[in-house]
Amino acid sequence: MAKIKVDTRDFDKLMGQLKDLPGAVMKKAEPNMVKNTPIDSGNARSRTKRRGETKIVADYGYAGRLDDGWSKQAPKGFTAPTEDFIEDEVARQVGRID
């Protein structure tokens, strides 16, 4: 009978490097989303917060309307630019991994 042993040390090292990626990316994405949120009274920006490691919440009733481009300050809304930022940041950080 033949036996094959797989050395998983490199894989385990890679997974260890990736485990903190979601939280690190979202920590950088929160200020980006706030920056892309239109400002009038400041309510929308002040109520856009990160919750937990991987969630950013726009906690006000008209968030959907602003995100649909209702404001001339952010015709693309704030979600799409933040998603683009997250994609770029993930690619940047994954590219740094050995």
C-alpha atoms as a PDB file:
ATOM      1  CA  MET A   1       0.000   0.000   0.000  1.00  0.00           C
ATOM      2  CA  ALA A   2       1.325   3.436  -0.970  1.00  0.00           C
ATOM      3  CA  LYS A   3       0.939   6.437   1.288  1.00  0.00           C
ATOM      4  CA  ILE A   4       1.029  10.061   0.304  1.00  0.00           C
ATOM      5  CA  LYS A   5       1.657  12.791   2.825  1.00  0.00           C
ATOM      6  CA  VAL A   6       0.806  16.400   2.013  1.00  0.00           C
ATOM      7  CA  ASP A   7       2.803  19.161   3.657  1.00  0.00           C
ATOM      8  CA  THR A   8       0.260  21.853   4.523  1.00  0.00           C
ATOM      9  CA  ARG A   9       2.656  24.284   6.231  1.00  0.00           C
ATOM     10  CA  ASP A  10       2.733  26.736   3.309  1.00  0.00           C
ATOM     11  CA  PHE A  11      -1.043  26.616   2.996  1.00  0.00           C
ATOM     12  CA  ASP A  12      -1.503  27.092   6.737  1.00  0.00           C
ATOM     13  CA  LYS A  13       0.873  30.070   6.659  1.00  0.00           C
ATOM     14  CA  LEU A  14      -1.098  31.637   3.804  1.00  0.00           C
ATOM     15  CA  MET A  15      -4.404  31.126   5.614  1.00  0.00           C
ATOM     16  CA  GLY A  16      -2.910  32.722   8.726  1.00  0.00           C
ATOM     17  CA  GLN A  17      -1.952  35.779   6.708  1.00  0.00           C
ATOM     18  CA  LEU A  18      -5.438  36.004   5.187  1.00  0.00           C
ATOM     19  CA  LYS A  19      -7.409  35.608   8.413  1.00  0.00           C
ATOM     20  CA  ASP A  20      -7.144  39.284   9.376  1.00  0.00           C
ATOM     21  CA  LEU A  21      -7.767  40.574   5.852  1.00  0.00           C
ATOM     22  CA  PRO A  22     -11.549  41.207   6.075  1.00  0.00           C
ATOM     23  CA  GLY A  23     -11.308  43.275   9.245  1.00  0.00           C
ATOM     24  CA  ALA A  24      -8.286  45.230   8.038  1.00  0.00           C
ATOM     25  CA  VAL A  25      -9.940  46.063   4.728  1.00  0.00           C
ATOM     26  CA  MET A  26     -13.211  47.138   6.328  1.00  0.00           C
ATOM     27  CA  LYS A  27     -11.324  49.327   8.801  1.00  0.00           C
ATOM     28  CA  LYS A  28      -9.935  51.235   5.813  1.00  0.00           C
ATOM     29  CA  ALA A  29     -13.233  51.113   3.901  1.00  0.00           C
ATOM     30  CA  GLU A  30     -15.280  52.848   6.613  1.00  0.00           C
ATOM     31  CA  PRO A  31     -13.624  56.281   6.242  1.00  0.00           C
ATOM     32  CA  ASN A  32     -13.815  55.872   2.467  1.00  0.00           C
ATOM     33  CA  MET A  33     -17.568  55.267   2.643  1.00  0.00           C
ATOM     34  CA  VAL A  34     -18.032  58.220   4.998  1.00  0.00           C
ATOM     35  CA  LYS A  35     -16.037  60.422   2.607  1.00  0.00           C
ATOM     36  CA  ASN A  36     -18.299  59.341  -0.281  1.00  0.00           C
ATOM     37  CA  THR A  37     -21.461  60.062   1.719  1.00  0.00           C
ATOM     38  CA  PRO A  38     -22.997  63.440   0.843  1.00  0.00           C
ATOM     39  CA  ILE A  39     -22.943  66.061   3.563  1.00  0.00           C
ATOM     40  CA  ASP A  40     -25.660  68.571   4.366  1.00  0.00           C
ATOM     41  CA  SER A  41     -26.276  68.603   8.083  1.00  0.00           C
ATOM     42  CA  GLY A  42     -23.654  65.932   8.800  1.00  0.00           C
ATOM     43  CA  ASN A  43     -26.234  63.403  10.010  1.00  0.00           C
ATOM     44  CA  ALA A  44     -25.558  60.865   7.252  1.00  0.00           C
ATOM     45  CA  ARG A  45     -21.803  60.905   7.748  1.00  0.00           C
ATOM     46  CA  SER A  46     -21.999  60.788  11.523  1.00  0.00           C
ATOM     47  CA  ARG A  47     -24.375  57.807  11.408  1.00  0.00           C
ATOM     48  CA  THR A  48     -22.287  55.747   9.027  1.00  0.00           C
ATOM     49  CA  LYS A  49     -20.300  53.385  11.238  1.00  0.00           C
ATOM     50  CA  ARG A  50     -18.532  50.068  11.182  1.00  0.00           C
ATOM     51  CA  ARG A  51     -20.285  47.388  13.177  1.00  0.00           C
ATOM     52  CA  GLY A  52     -18.227  44.404  14.096  1.00  0.00           C
ATOM     53  CA  GLU A  53     -15.255  43.501  11.953  1.00  0.00           C
ATOM     54  CA  THR A  54     -16.888  43.245   8.551  1.00  0.00           C
ATOM     55  CA  LYS A  55     -19.970  45.441   8.360  1.00  0.00           C
ATOM     56  CA  ILE A  56     -20.465  49.135   7.645  1.00  0.00           C
ATOM     57  CA  VAL A  57     -23.942  50.470   8.356  1.00  0.00           C
ATOM     58  CA  ALA A  58     -25.575  53.670   7.130  1.00  0.00           C
ATOM     59  CA  ASP A  59     -28.018  53.964  10.028  1.00  0.00           C
ATOM     60  CA  TYR A  60     -30.535  56.604   8.927  1.00  0.00           C
ATOM     61  CA  GLY A  61     -33.835  56.450   7.088  1.00  0.00           C
ATOM     62  CA  TYR A  62     -32.798  58.103   3.831  1.00  0.00           C
ATOM     63  CA  ALA A  63     -29.604  56.095   3.235  1.00  0.00           C
ATOM     64  CA  GLY A  64     -31.138  54.214   0.313  1.00  0.00           C
ATOM     65  CA  ARG A  65     -32.187  57.433  -1.339  1.00  0.00           C
ATOM     66  CA  LEU A  66     -28.697  58.938  -1.022  1.00  0.00           C
ATOM     67  CA  ASP A  67     -27.131  55.717  -2.262  1.00  0.00           C
ATOM     68  CA  ASP A  68     -29.396  55.808  -5.320  1.00  0.00           C
ATOM     69  CA  GLY A  69     -27.772  59.088  -6.344  1.00  0.00           C
ATOM     70  CA  TRP A  70     -30.383  61.501  -4.994  1.00  0.00           C
ATOM     71  CA  SER A  71     -27.691  63.973  -3.937  1.00  0.00           C
ATOM     72  CA  LYS A  72     -25.725  65.929  -6.530  1.00  0.00           C
ATOM     73  CA  GLN A  73     -22.714  65.581  -4.209  1.00  0.00           C
ATOM     74  CA  ALA A  74     -22.671  61.815  -4.739  1.00  0.00           C
ATOM     75  CA  PRO A  75     -24.464  60.931  -7.982  1.00  0.00           C
ATOM     76  CA  LYS A  76     -22.966  57.421  -7.840  1.00  0.00           C
ATOM     77  CA  GLY A  77     -24.081  56.993  -4.242  1.00  0.00           C
ATOM     78  CA  PHE A  78     -21.631  55.756  -1.642  1.00  0.00           C
ATOM     79  CA  THR A  79     -21.867  51.980  -1.856  1.00  0.00           C
ATOM     80  CA  ALA A  80     -20.472  51.525  -5.383  1.00  0.00           C
ATOM     81  CA  PRO A  81     -17.363  53.669  -4.776  1.00  0.00           C
ATOM     82  CA  THR A  82     -16.792  51.841  -1.477  1.00  0.00           C
ATOM     83  CA  GLU A  83     -17.118  48.459  -3.180  1.00  0.00           C
ATOM     84  CA  ASP A  84     -14.528  49.573  -5.744  1.00  0.00           C
ATOM     85  CA  PHE A  85     -12.238  50.682  -2.906  1.00  0.00           C
ATOM     86  CA  ILE A  86     -12.669  47.308  -1.143  1.00  0.00           C
ATOM     87  CA  GLU A  87     -11.859  45.363  -4.315  1.00  0.00           C
ATOM     88  CA  ASP A  88      -8.716  47.436  -4.891  1.00  0.00           C
ATOM     89  CA  GLU A  89      -7.635  47.146  -1.252  1.00  0.00           C
ATOM     90  CA  VAL A  90      -8.138  43.355  -1.182  1.00  0.00           C
ATOM     91  CA  ALA A  91      -6.088  43.000  -4.376  1.00  0.00           C
ATOM     92  CA  ARG A  92      -3.374  45.235  -2.910  1.00  0.00           C
ATOM     93  CA  GLN A  93      -3.175  43.315   0.356  1.00  0.00           C
ATOM     94  CA  VAL A  94      -3.342  39.863  -1.254  1.00  0.00           C
ATOM     95  CA  GLY A  95      -0.543  40.948  -3.594  1.00  0.00           C
ATOM     96  CA  ARG A  96       1.677  41.607  -0.559  1.00  0.00           C
ATOM     97  CA  ILE A  97       1.378  38.042   0.732  1.00  0.00           C
ATOM     98  CA  ASP A  98       4.469  35.882   0.262  1.00  0.00           C
END
